[in-house]
Each structure stands twice: as structure tokens, then as C-alpha cells.
Amino acid sequence: MRFFLFILLSVLGLGCSDVMAPISSGASPCQVTTDCEEGQLCSAGACLIQEARCDLDGLVEPGEACDDGNQEDDDSCRGDCQIARCGDGIRRTDRVLGETGYEACDDGNQRHEDACANNCQNAFCGDGI
């Protein structure tokens, strides 16, 4: 009976984790995903490379930073399920001037001295740059 219980718990993944080999040698130990590096996921106490996933079903799942269910790149959640940010090279059109996240431009480069400053606002005479 005890052997049967051991097999059942092992199959279900509910016990004896101390006798299981690590999933990947060299994997960093973790308790939660925030203990891991960017692009990794905490699973079974080890940081694992997070599988890229973007199924656009409207549900945020492992591998997705966001999922708004559409392929639009110009809103808060890009079509690749990554959160839109200033500097990603895609101008957001879902915000208007004065709203948080508004981008007048987004050229995706680190040149602060060109027509689109690094804060995603158009350069202008007298802006100090």
C-alpha cells in the first residue's frame, strides 16, 4: 500500500521532490518568478527559460507579458504579447496628449538629439537638447 501511494504521489508530482533530479543543471534556485532573471520562469524551485508564447486569447499565460486578444501593435499590449514601451519603435495611438503612455513619436533608437527624443516626444527648438 505504501509503495502504491509513493507511485501515485510521484506520478501526480505531489511528493518526493528531494529524490528527483534537477530539471536543468546550473539552473538558479527560486521560490517565485521574481527571483529569476528576465525571460525566465520559476518552476519546481528552479529558474527555467520561459517559452515564448502568444496565442492572443485575451488571457495572460506563462510567456506573455500581456494578452489583449488582438494583433494591434499600437496599443498598450503589442501583437507579440509584450507591453508597449517608449523606445520599442512602435508609436502608441491609443493615448492622447496628456495621458500616461502617450507617444508623439517612437523611433526606437537611443539618439536623443534626433527628431524624436528618448522620451517619445517630438524634439523642438528650446527643449534643451
C-alpha atoms as a PDB file:
ATOM      1  CA  MET A   1       0.000   0.000   0.000  1.00  0.00           C
ATOM      2  CA  ARG A   2       2.771   2.444   0.901  1.00  0.00           C
ATOM      3  CA  PHE A   3       4.552   1.720  -2.388  1.00  0.00           C
ATOM      4  CA  PHE A   4       1.311   2.377  -4.298  1.00  0.00           C
ATOM      5  CA  LEU A   5       0.880   5.737  -2.531  1.00  0.00           C
ATOM      6  CA  PHE A   6       4.509   6.666  -3.359  1.00  0.00           C
ATOM      7  CA  ILE A   7       3.920   5.871  -7.070  1.00  0.00           C
ATOM      8  CA  LEU A   8       0.632   7.799  -7.126  1.00  0.00           C
ATOM      9  CA  LEU A   9       2.154  10.881  -5.495  1.00  0.00           C
ATOM     10  CA  SER A  10       5.174  10.736  -7.791  1.00  0.00           C
ATOM     11  CA  VAL A  11       3.014  10.498 -10.912  1.00  0.00           C
ATOM     12  CA  LEU A  12       0.947  13.442  -9.739  1.00  0.00           C
ATOM     13  CA  GLY A  13       4.084  15.381  -8.836  1.00  0.00           C
ATOM     14  CA  LEU A  14       2.978  15.719  -5.225  1.00  0.00           C
ATOM     15  CA  GLY A  15       5.846  14.203  -3.324  1.00  0.00           C
ATOM     16  CA  CYS A  16       9.432  13.061  -3.045  1.00  0.00           C
ATOM     17  CA  SER A  17      10.852  16.077  -4.833  1.00  0.00           C
ATOM     18  CA  ASP A  18      14.070  15.573  -2.855  1.00  0.00           C
ATOM     19  CA  VAL A  19      14.817  12.402  -4.827  1.00  0.00           C
ATOM     20  CA  MET A  20      14.087  13.927  -8.218  1.00  0.00           C
ATOM     21  CA  ALA A  21      16.999  15.230 -10.287  1.00  0.00           C
ATOM     22  CA  PRO A  22      17.060  18.944 -11.068  1.00  0.00           C
ATOM     23  CA  ILE A  23      15.339  19.851 -14.321  1.00  0.00           C
ATOM     24  CA  SER A  24      18.438  21.592 -15.614  1.00  0.00           C
ATOM     25  CA  SER A  25      21.942  21.612 -14.232  1.00  0.00           C
ATOM     26  CA  GLY A  26      23.087  25.116 -13.437  1.00  0.00           C
ATOM     27  CA  ALA A  27      19.541  26.430 -13.054  1.00  0.00           C
ATOM     28  CA  SER A  28      19.272  29.060 -10.342  1.00  0.00           C
ATOM     29  CA  PRO A  29      17.103  28.134  -7.360  1.00  0.00           C
ATOM     30  CA  CYS A  30      13.941  30.184  -6.813  1.00  0.00           C
ATOM     31  CA  GLN A  31      10.737  30.397  -4.839  1.00  0.00           C
ATOM     32  CA  VAL A  32       8.885  32.816  -7.142  1.00  0.00           C
ATOM     33  CA  THR A  33       9.442  34.049 -10.715  1.00  0.00           C
ATOM     34  CA  THR A  34      10.748  37.409  -9.492  1.00  0.00           C
ATOM     35  CA  ASP A  35      13.757  35.509  -8.083  1.00  0.00           C
ATOM     36  CA  CYS A  36      14.736  34.659 -11.673  1.00  0.00           C
ATOM     37  CA  GLU A  37      16.365  36.674 -14.433  1.00  0.00           C
ATOM     38  CA  GLU A  38      14.269  38.349 -17.137  1.00  0.00           C
ATOM     39  CA  GLY A  39      12.924  35.799 -19.597  1.00  0.00           C
ATOM     40  CA  GLN A  40      12.915  33.019 -17.013  1.00  0.00           C
ATOM     41  CA  LEU A  41      10.118  31.378 -15.051  1.00  0.00           C
ATOM     42  CA  CYS A  42      10.288  29.758 -11.601  1.00  0.00           C
ATOM     43  CA  SER A  43       9.101  26.163 -11.846  1.00  0.00           C
ATOM     44  CA  ALA A  44       9.667  23.371  -9.329  1.00  0.00           C
ATOM     45  CA  GLY A  45      12.152  25.576  -7.456  1.00  0.00           C
ATOM     46  CA  ALA A  46      14.401  26.287 -10.458  1.00  0.00           C
ATOM     47  CA  CYS A  47      14.627  29.215 -12.886  1.00  0.00           C
ATOM     48  CA  LEU A  48      13.851  27.920 -16.378  1.00  0.00           C
ATOM     49  CA  ILE A  49      13.918  29.683 -19.719  1.00  0.00           C
ATOM     50  CA  GLN A  50      10.417  30.919 -20.362  1.00  0.00           C
ATOM     51  CA  GLU A  51       8.837  29.565 -23.523  1.00  0.00           C
ATOM     52  CA  ALA A  52       7.805  32.289 -25.904  1.00  0.00           C
ATOM     53  CA  ARG A  53       4.065  32.126 -26.231  1.00  0.00           C
ATOM     54  CA  CYS A  54       1.489  34.482 -27.599  1.00  0.00           C
ATOM     55  CA  ASP A  55      -1.827  32.946 -28.516  1.00  0.00           C
ATOM     56  CA  LEU A  56      -3.887  36.175 -28.431  1.00  0.00           C
ATOM     57  CA  ASP A  57      -6.725  34.570 -26.488  1.00  0.00           C
ATOM     58  CA  GLY A  58      -7.115  37.513 -24.092  1.00  0.00           C
ATOM     59  CA  LEU A  59      -5.687  35.564 -21.124  1.00  0.00           C
ATOM     60  CA  VAL A  60      -2.196  36.298 -19.778  1.00  0.00           C
ATOM     61  CA  GLU A  61      -0.376  32.970 -19.589  1.00  0.00           C
ATOM     62  CA  PRO A  62       3.258  31.954 -18.939  1.00  0.00           C
ATOM     63  CA  GLY A  63       5.468  33.572 -21.563  1.00  0.00           C
ATOM     64  CA  GLU A  64       3.108  36.501 -22.116  1.00  0.00           C
ATOM     65  CA  ALA A  65       3.664  39.888 -20.503  1.00  0.00           C
ATOM     66  CA  CYS A  66       0.145  40.847 -21.635  1.00  0.00           C
ATOM     67  CA  ASP A  67      -2.559  39.494 -23.937  1.00  0.00           C
ATOM     68  CA  ASP A  68      -5.349  41.787 -25.051  1.00  0.00           C
ATOM     69  CA  GLY A  69      -6.641  39.366 -27.661  1.00  0.00           C
ATOM     70  CA  ASN A  70      -5.673  41.404 -30.730  1.00  0.00           C
ATOM     71  CA  GLN A  71      -2.692  41.719 -33.062  1.00  0.00           C
ATOM     72  CA  GLU A  72      -2.543  45.518 -32.856  1.00  0.00           C
ATOM     73  CA  ASP A  73       0.960  46.782 -32.116  1.00  0.00           C
ATOM     74  CA  ASP A  74      -0.025  50.398 -31.435  1.00  0.00           C
ATOM     75  CA  ASP A  75      -1.899  49.891 -28.151  1.00  0.00           C
ATOM     76  CA  SER A  76      -0.724  49.040 -24.615  1.00  0.00           C
ATOM     77  CA  CYS A  77      -0.157  45.358 -25.459  1.00  0.00           C
ATOM     78  CA  ARG A  78       1.724  44.653 -28.672  1.00  0.00           C
ATOM     79  CA  GLY A  79       0.747  41.840 -31.042  1.00  0.00           C
ATOM     80  CA  ASP A  80       3.649  39.745 -29.684  1.00  0.00           C
ATOM     81  CA  CYS A  81       2.174  39.895 -26.140  1.00  0.00           C
ATOM     82  CA  GLN A  82       4.828  42.311 -24.878  1.00  0.00           C
ATOM     83  CA  ILE A  83       3.905  45.503 -23.048  1.00  0.00           C
ATOM     84  CA  ALA A  84       4.299  48.611 -25.194  1.00  0.00           C
ATOM     85  CA  ARG A  85       7.038  50.949 -24.026  1.00  0.00           C
ATOM     86  CA  CYS A  86       8.672  54.128 -25.199  1.00  0.00           C
ATOM     87  CA  GLY A  87      11.651  53.157 -27.325  1.00  0.00           C
ATOM     88  CA  ASP A  88      10.273  49.916 -28.784  1.00  0.00           C
ATOM     89  CA  GLY A  89       9.980  51.515 -32.229  1.00  0.00           C
ATOM     90  CA  ILE A  90       6.178  51.367 -32.316  1.00  0.00           C
ATOM     91  CA  ARG A  91       4.203  54.574 -31.737  1.00  0.00           C
ATOM     92  CA  ARG A  92       1.182  54.078 -29.483  1.00  0.00           C
ATOM     93  CA  THR A  93      -2.009  55.583 -30.868  1.00  0.00           C
ATOM     94  CA  ASP A  94      -4.348  54.555 -28.036  1.00  0.00           C
ATOM     95  CA  ARG A  95      -3.370  57.544 -25.865  1.00  0.00           C
ATOM     96  CA  VAL A  96      -3.897  61.259 -26.374  1.00  0.00           C
ATOM     97  CA  LEU A  97      -1.657  64.137 -25.352  1.00  0.00           C
ATOM     98  CA  GLY A  98      -1.622  64.412 -21.549  1.00  0.00           C
ATOM     99  CA  GLU A  99      -2.420  60.740 -20.874  1.00  0.00           C
ATOM    100  CA  THR A 100       0.173  58.436 -19.335  1.00  0.00           C
ATOM    101  CA  GLY A 101       1.837  56.421 -22.089  1.00  0.00           C
ATOM    102  CA  TYR A 102       1.199  58.996 -24.839  1.00  0.00           C
ATOM    103  CA  GLU A 103       3.849  58.893 -27.565  1.00  0.00           C
ATOM    104  CA  ALA A 104       4.166  61.695 -30.104  1.00  0.00           C
ATOM    105  CA  CYS A 105       6.821  59.567 -31.821  1.00  0.00           C
ATOM    106  CA  ASP A 106       8.828  56.391 -31.225  1.00  0.00           C
ATOM    107  CA  ASP A 107      11.796  55.865 -33.498  1.00  0.00           C
ATOM    108  CA  GLY A 108      13.202  53.011 -31.424  1.00  0.00           C
ATOM    109  CA  ASN A 109      16.730  54.371 -31.195  1.00  0.00           C
ATOM    110  CA  GLN A 110      18.848  55.799 -28.402  1.00  0.00           C
ATOM    111  CA  ARG A 111      19.684  59.060 -30.216  1.00  0.00           C
ATOM    112  CA  HIS A 112      18.279  61.805 -28.019  1.00  0.00           C
ATOM    113  CA  GLU A 113      19.415  64.506 -30.461  1.00  0.00           C
ATOM    114  CA  ASP A 114      17.221  63.500 -33.432  1.00  0.00           C
ATOM    115  CA  ALA A 115      13.621  64.453 -34.266  1.00  0.00           C
ATOM    116  CA  CYS A 116      12.206  62.002 -31.701  1.00  0.00           C
ATOM    117  CA  ALA A 117      13.664  62.359 -28.204  1.00  0.00           C
ATOM    118  CA  ASN A 118      14.205  59.340 -25.939  1.00  0.00           C
ATOM    119  CA  ASN A 119      11.020  60.200 -24.024  1.00  0.00           C
ATOM    120  CA  CYS A 120       8.976  59.660 -27.218  1.00  0.00           C
ATOM    121  CA  GLN A 121       8.193  63.343 -27.610  1.00  0.00           C
ATOM    122  CA  ASN A 122       8.982  65.375 -30.716  1.00  0.00           C
ATOM    123  CA  ALA A 123      12.097  67.494 -30.427  1.00  0.00           C
ATOM    124  CA  PHE A 124      11.527  71.230 -30.560  1.00  0.00           C
ATOM    125  CA  CYS A 125      13.573  74.388 -30.505  1.00  0.00           C
ATOM    126  CA  GLY A 126      14.267  75.294 -26.878  1.00  0.00           C
ATOM    127  CA  ASP A 127      13.833  71.782 -25.427  1.00  0.00           C
ATOM    128  CA  GLY A 128      17.407  71.882 -24.092  1.00  0.00           C
ATOM    129  CA  ILE A 129      18.695  69.131 -26.347  1.00  0.00           C
END
